[in-house]
């Protein structure tokens, strides 16, 4: 949407970006054998 012509009115002054909720499960699986 942000790359389309319909987004011409968006200034970015109040654009909230949310990264998501909890981390994906594959990150824990990829580091299961890693020493801390």
N, C-alpha and C. Protein backbone atom coordinates (compact mmCIF):
# COMPACT_ATOMS: atom_id res chain seq x y z
N UNK A 1 0.81 -1.20 0.00
CA UNK A 1 0.00 0.00 0.00
C UNK A 1 0.86 1.27 0.00
N UNK A 2 1.94 1.27 0.77
CA UNK A 2 2.75 2.49 0.88
C UNK A 2 3.46 2.85 -0.41
N UNK A 3 3.61 1.90 -1.32
CA UNK A 3 4.28 2.18 -2.59
C UNK A 3 3.28 2.57 -3.68
N UNK A 4 2.00 2.51 -3.39
CA UNK A 4 1.00 2.81 -4.41
C UNK A 4 0.67 4.30 -4.43
N UNK A 5 -0.02 4.72 -5.48
CA UNK A 5 -0.43 6.12 -5.60
C UNK A 5 -1.46 6.50 -4.55
N UNK A 6 -2.18 5.52 -4.02
CA UNK A 6 -3.20 5.79 -3.01
C UNK A 6 -2.58 6.26 -1.70
N UNK A 7 -1.30 6.05 -1.53
CA UNK A 7 -0.63 6.44 -0.29
C UNK A 7 0.00 7.83 -0.39
N UNK A 8 -0.36 8.60 -1.38
CA UNK A 8 0.25 9.91 -1.58
C UNK A 8 -0.04 10.87 -0.43
N UNK A 9 -1.13 10.65 0.29
CA UNK A 9 -1.48 11.57 1.38
C UNK A 9 -0.75 11.25 2.68
N UNK A 10 -0.07 10.13 2.76
CA UNK A 10 0.60 9.73 4.00
C UNK A 10 1.90 10.52 4.16
N UNK A 11 2.05 11.20 5.28
CA UNK A 11 3.25 12.01 5.51
C UNK A 11 4.31 11.26 6.31
N UNK A 12 3.89 10.26 7.07
CA UNK A 12 4.82 9.53 7.91
C UNK A 12 4.98 10.14 9.29
N UNK A 13 4.29 11.26 9.54
CA UNK A 13 4.41 11.94 10.82
C UNK A 13 3.81 11.12 11.96
N UNK A 14 2.78 10.35 11.67
CA UNK A 14 2.13 9.55 12.72
C UNK A 14 1.94 8.12 12.23
N UNK A 15 2.95 7.58 11.61
CA UNK A 15 2.87 6.22 11.07
C UNK A 15 3.45 5.26 12.09
N UNK A 16 2.58 4.50 12.73
CA UNK A 16 3.02 3.54 13.75
C UNK A 16 3.29 2.19 13.09
N UNK A 17 4.47 1.66 13.32
CA UNK A 17 4.85 0.37 12.76
C UNK A 17 5.04 -0.59 13.91
N UNK A 18 4.36 -1.71 13.84
CA UNK A 18 4.43 -2.71 14.91
C UNK A 18 5.17 -3.92 14.37
N UNK A 19 6.15 -4.38 15.10
CA UNK A 19 6.97 -5.50 14.66
C UNK A 19 6.36 -6.86 14.87
N UNK A 20 5.28 -6.95 15.57
CA UNK A 20 4.63 -8.22 15.78
C UNK A 20 4.58 -8.58 17.25
N UNK A 21 4.20 -9.79 17.53
CA UNK A 21 4.06 -10.24 18.91
C UNK A 21 5.30 -10.94 19.40
N UNK A 22 5.14 -12.20 19.71
CA UNK A 22 6.27 -12.96 20.24
C UNK A 22 7.21 -13.41 19.12
N UNK A 23 8.46 -13.69 19.45
CA UNK A 23 9.42 -14.12 18.41
C UNK A 23 9.00 -15.45 17.79
N UNK A 24 9.33 -15.69 16.53
CA UNK A 24 8.98 -16.95 15.89
C UNK A 24 9.66 -18.14 16.55
N UNK A 25 9.00 -19.27 16.55
CA UNK A 25 9.52 -20.47 17.21
C UNK A 25 10.81 -20.97 16.57
N UNK A 26 11.01 -20.71 15.29
CA UNK A 26 12.21 -21.24 14.63
C UNK A 26 13.48 -20.60 15.17
N UNK A 27 13.37 -19.42 15.79
CA UNK A 27 14.57 -18.81 16.37
C UNK A 27 15.07 -19.62 17.56
N UNK A 28 14.16 -20.12 18.39
CA UNK A 28 14.56 -20.97 19.51
C UNK A 28 15.11 -22.29 19.01
N UNK A 29 14.51 -22.84 17.97
CA UNK A 29 14.96 -24.13 17.44
C UNK A 29 16.35 -23.99 16.81
N UNK A 30 16.64 -22.86 16.20
CA UNK A 30 17.93 -22.67 15.54
C UNK A 30 19.06 -22.50 16.54
N UNK A 31 18.75 -22.08 17.75
CA UNK A 31 19.80 -21.86 18.76
C UNK A 31 19.68 -22.83 19.93
N UNK A 32 19.03 -23.98 19.73
CA UNK A 32 18.80 -24.93 20.83
C UNK A 32 20.10 -25.52 21.35
N UNK A 33 21.07 -25.78 20.47
CA UNK A 33 22.32 -26.41 20.88
C UNK A 33 23.44 -25.41 21.14
N UNK A 34 23.13 -24.16 21.09
CA UNK A 34 24.13 -23.11 21.27
C UNK A 34 24.41 -22.90 22.76
N UNK A 35 25.70 -22.84 23.12
CA UNK A 35 26.07 -22.60 24.51
C UNK A 35 25.89 -21.13 24.85
N UNK A 36 25.50 -20.87 26.08
CA UNK A 36 25.29 -19.48 26.49
C UNK A 36 26.47 -18.98 27.26
